[in-house]
Amino acid sequence: MIHFPATDPEFEEMFKTEEDCMEYIISVRWPEGYICPIYQHDKL
């Protein structure tokens, strides 16, 4: 199950850096890992 931050303090704790935010977004969007649908590579 995906955990979304419910409060401002929880958000700030989860996303201390932009990298934390990007890792979260990627894990939610591609929970099994990213694979390009056209070229089948794993680079974003």
PDB file of N, CA and C in Angstrom:
ATOM      1  N   MET A   1       0.841  -1.182   0.000  1.00  0.00           N
ATOM      2  CA  MET A   1       0.000   0.000   0.000  1.00  0.00           C
ATOM      3  C   MET A   1       0.885   1.244   0.000  1.00  0.00           C
ATOM      4  N   ILE A   2       0.485   2.227  -0.743  1.00  0.00           N
ATOM      5  CA  ILE A   2       1.237   3.478  -0.860  1.00  0.00           C
ATOM      6  C   ILE A   2       0.906   4.368   0.329  1.00  0.00           C
ATOM      7  N   HIS A   3       1.941   4.916   0.940  1.00  0.00           N
ATOM      8  CA  HIS A   3       1.748   5.830   2.067  1.00  0.00           C
ATOM      9  C   HIS A   3       1.939   7.269   1.593  1.00  0.00           C
ATOM     10  N   PHE A   4       0.877   8.054   1.688  1.00  0.00           N
ATOM     11  CA  PHE A   4       0.944   9.470   1.364  1.00  0.00           C
ATOM     12  C   PHE A   4       1.054  10.263   2.666  1.00  0.00           C
ATOM     13  N   PRO A   5       1.881  11.299   2.691  1.00  0.00           N
ATOM     14  CA  PRO A   5       1.969  12.107   3.912  1.00  0.00           C
ATOM     15  C   PRO A   5       0.638  12.813   4.173  1.00  0.00           C
ATOM     16  N   ALA A   6       0.186  12.764   5.417  1.00  0.00           N
ATOM     17  CA  ALA A   6      -1.120  13.316   5.770  1.00  0.00           C
ATOM     18  C   ALA A   6      -1.041  14.705   6.403  1.00  0.00           C
ATOM     19  N   THR A   7       0.119  15.062   6.920  1.00  0.00           N
ATOM     20  CA  THR A   7       0.263  16.351   7.592  1.00  0.00           C
ATOM     21  C   THR A   7       1.521  17.052   7.076  1.00  0.00           C
ATOM     22  N   ASP A   8       1.611  18.340   7.331  1.00  0.00           N
ATOM     23  CA  ASP A   8       2.807  19.080   6.929  1.00  0.00           C
ATOM     24  C   ASP A   8       4.074  18.518   7.582  1.00  0.00           C
ATOM     25  N   PRO A   9       4.054  18.245   8.883  1.00  0.00           N
ATOM     26  CA  PRO A   9       5.269  17.674   9.483  1.00  0.00           C
ATOM     27  C   PRO A   9       5.645  16.314   8.877  1.00  0.00           C
ATOM     28  N   GLU A  10       4.649  15.497   8.580  1.00  0.00           N
ATOM     29  CA  GLU A  10       4.924  14.197   7.963  1.00  0.00           C
ATOM     30  C   GLU A  10       5.526  14.397   6.562  1.00  0.00           C
ATOM     31  N   PHE A  11       4.992  15.348   5.809  1.00  0.00           N
ATOM     32  CA  PHE A  11       5.518  15.666   4.487  1.00  0.00           C
ATOM     33  C   PHE A  11       6.980  16.110   4.585  1.00  0.00           C
ATOM     34  N   GLU A  12       7.249  17.016   5.497  1.00  0.00           N
ATOM     35  CA  GLU A  12       8.609  17.525   5.660  1.00  0.00           C
ATOM     36  C   GLU A  12       9.579  16.431   6.101  1.00  0.00           C
ATOM     37  N   GLU A  13       9.102  15.481   6.899  1.00  0.00           N
ATOM     38  CA  GLU A  13       9.946  14.372   7.336  1.00  0.00           C
ATOM     39  C   GLU A  13      10.237  13.418   6.173  1.00  0.00           C
ATOM     40  N   MET A  14       9.218  13.150   5.349  1.00  0.00           N
ATOM     41  CA  MET A  14       9.395  12.229   4.218  1.00  0.00           C
ATOM     42  C   MET A  14      10.256  12.828   3.114  1.00  0.00           C
ATOM     43  N   PHE A  15      10.119  14.130   2.884  1.00  0.00           N
ATOM     44  CA  PHE A  15      10.767  14.779   1.748  1.00  0.00           C
ATOM     45  C   PHE A  15      11.720  15.873   2.205  1.00  0.00           C
ATOM     46  N   LYS A  16      12.818  15.460   2.805  1.00  0.00           N
ATOM     47  CA  LYS A  16      13.809  16.420   3.285  1.00  0.00           C
ATOM     48  C   LYS A  16      14.585  17.048   2.138  1.00  0.00           C
ATOM     49  N   THR A  17      14.692  16.331   1.011  1.00  0.00           N
ATOM     50  CA  THR A  17      15.413  16.844  -0.157  1.00  0.00           C
ATOM     51  C   THR A  17      14.576  16.587  -1.413  1.00  0.00           C
ATOM     52  N   GLU A  18      14.936  17.254  -2.499  1.00  0.00           N
ATOM     53  CA  GLU A  18      14.271  16.996  -3.775  1.00  0.00           C
ATOM     54  C   GLU A  18      14.492  15.551  -4.215  1.00  0.00           C
ATOM     55  N   GLU A  19      15.667  15.015  -3.911  1.00  0.00           N
ATOM     56  CA  GLU A  19      15.961  13.627  -4.272  1.00  0.00           C
ATOM     57  C   GLU A  19      15.001  12.668  -3.553  1.00  0.00           C
ATOM     58  N   ASP A  20      14.704  12.934  -2.282  1.00  0.00           N
ATOM     59  CA  ASP A  20      13.727  12.111  -1.547  1.00  0.00           C
ATOM     60  C   ASP A  20      12.379  12.132  -2.261  1.00  0.00           C
ATOM     61  N   CYS A  21      11.981  13.304  -2.709  1.00  0.00           N
ATOM     62  CA  CYS A  21      10.701  13.454  -3.404  1.00  0.00           C
ATOM     63  C   CYS A  21      10.704  12.682  -4.725  1.00  0.00           C
ATOM     64  N   MET A  22      11.772  12.808  -5.498  1.00  0.00           N
ATOM     65  CA  MET A  22      11.851  12.110  -6.779  1.00  0.00           C
ATOM     66  C   MET A  22      11.844  10.599  -6.593  1.00  0.00           C
ATOM     67  N   GLU A  23      12.560  10.101  -5.604  1.00  0.00           N
ATOM     68  CA  GLU A  23      12.577   8.665  -5.329  1.00  0.00           C
ATOM     69  C   GLU A  23      11.171   8.171  -4.976  1.00  0.00           C
ATOM     70  N   TYR A  24      10.449   8.958  -4.210  1.00  0.00           N
ATOM     71  CA  TYR A  24       9.082   8.593  -3.824  1.00  0.00           C
ATOM     72  C   TYR A  24       8.173   8.559  -5.054  1.00  0.00           C
ATOM     73  N   ILE A  25       8.226   9.606  -5.868  1.00  0.00           N
ATOM     74  CA  ILE A  25       7.384   9.674  -7.069  1.00  0.00           C
ATOM     75  C   ILE A  25       7.672   8.494  -7.995  1.00  0.00           C
ATOM     76  N   ILE A  26       8.942   8.204  -8.209  1.00  0.00           N
ATOM     77  CA  ILE A  26       9.325   7.086  -9.074  1.00  0.00           C
ATOM     78  C   ILE A  26       8.820   5.770  -8.496  1.00  0.00           C
ATOM     79  N   SER A  27       8.951   5.587  -7.187  1.00  0.00           N
ATOM     80  CA  SER A  27       8.507   4.320  -6.586  1.00  0.00           C
ATOM     81  C   SER A  27       6.992   4.156  -6.651  1.00  0.00           C
ATOM     82  N   VAL A  28       6.248   5.265  -6.593  1.00  0.00           N
ATOM     83  CA  VAL A  28       4.792   5.198  -6.689  1.00  0.00           C
ATOM     84  C   VAL A  28       4.370   4.950  -8.137  1.00  0.00           C
ATOM     85  N   ARG A  29       5.009   5.644  -9.069  1.00  0.00           N
ATOM     86  CA  ARG A  29       4.640   5.522 -10.488  1.00  0.00           C
ATOM     87  C   ARG A  29       5.070   4.182 -11.074  1.00  0.00           C
ATOM     88  N   TRP A  30       6.261   3.710 -10.709  1.00  0.00           N
ATOM     89  CA  TRP A  30       6.804   2.460 -11.244  1.00  0.00           C
ATOM     90  C   TRP A  30       7.252   1.549 -10.097  1.00  0.00           C
ATOM     91  N   PRO A  31       6.310   0.956  -9.359  1.00  0.00           N
ATOM     92  CA  PRO A  31       6.683   0.152  -8.189  1.00  0.00           C
ATOM     93  C   PRO A  31       7.553  -1.064  -8.533  1.00  0.00           C
ATOM     94  N   GLU A  32       7.486  -1.540  -9.750  1.00  0.00           N
ATOM     95  CA  GLU A  32       8.292  -2.691 -10.184  1.00  0.00           C
ATOM     96  C   GLU A  32       9.589  -2.240 -10.866  1.00  0.00           C
ATOM     97  N   GLY A  33       9.813  -0.925 -10.916  1.00  0.00           N
ATOM     98  CA  GLY A  33      10.980  -0.379 -11.596  1.00  0.00           C
ATOM     99  C   GLY A  33      10.601   0.118 -12.989  1.00  0.00           C
ATOM    100  N   TYR A  34      11.273   1.152 -13.446  1.00  0.00           N
ATOM    101  CA  TYR A  34      10.974   1.753 -14.738  1.00  0.00           C
ATOM    102  C   TYR A  34      11.570   0.947 -15.877  1.00  0.00           C
ATOM    103  N   ILE A  35      10.776   0.721 -16.918  1.00  0.00           N
ATOM    104  CA  ILE A  35      11.241   0.147 -18.176  1.00  0.00           C
ATOM    105  C   ILE A  35      10.605   0.979 -19.294  1.00  0.00           C
ATOM    106  N   CYS A  36      11.438   1.528 -20.172  1.00  0.00           N
ATOM    107  CA  CYS A  36      10.944   2.319 -21.298  1.00  0.00           C
ATOM    108  C   CYS A  36      10.062   1.432 -22.184  1.00  0.00           C
ATOM    109  N   PRO A  37       8.834   1.869 -22.461  1.00  0.00           N
ATOM    110  CA  PRO A  37       7.944   1.051 -23.279  1.00  0.00           C
ATOM    111  C   PRO A  37       8.384   0.949 -24.744  1.00  0.00           C
ATOM    112  N   ILE A  38       9.212   1.865 -25.198  1.00  0.00           N
ATOM    113  CA  ILE A  38       9.657   1.855 -26.593  1.00  0.00           C
ATOM    114  C   ILE A  38      10.979   1.120 -26.740  1.00  0.00           C
ATOM    115  N   TYR A  39      11.976   1.484 -25.940  1.00  0.00           N
ATOM    116  CA  TYR A  39      13.327   0.948 -26.105  1.00  0.00           C
ATOM    117  C   TYR A  39      13.727  -0.091 -25.068  1.00  0.00           C
ATOM    118  N   GLN A  40      12.861  -0.333 -24.087  1.00  0.00           N
ATOM    119  CA  GLN A  40      13.078  -1.364 -23.061  1.00  0.00           C
ATOM    120  C   GLN A  40      14.309  -1.125 -22.192  1.00  0.00           C
ATOM    121  N   HIS A  41      14.757   0.124 -22.046  1.00  0.00           N
ATOM    122  CA  HIS A  41      15.876   0.396 -21.136  1.00  0.00           C
ATOM    123  C   HIS A  41      15.308   0.880 -19.804  1.00  0.00           C
ATOM    124  N   ASP A  42      16.167   0.962 -18.793  1.00  0.00           N
ATOM    125  CA  ASP A  42      15.713   1.340 -17.461  1.00  0.00           C
ATOM    126  C   ASP A  42      16.198   2.702 -16.997  1.00  0.00           C
ATOM    127  N   LYS A  43      16.573   3.560 -17.920  1.00  0.00           N
ATOM    128  CA  LYS A  43      17.062   4.912 -17.592  1.00  0.00           C
ATOM    129  C   LYS A  43      15.920   5.910 -17.725  1.00  0.00           C
ATOM    130  N   LEU A  44      15.763   6.761 -16.703  1.00  0.00           N
ATOM    131  CA  LEU A  44      14.740   7.820 -16.778  1.00  0.00           C
ATOM    132  C   LEU A  44      15.281   9.033 -17.444  1.00  0.00           C
TER     133      LEU A  44
END
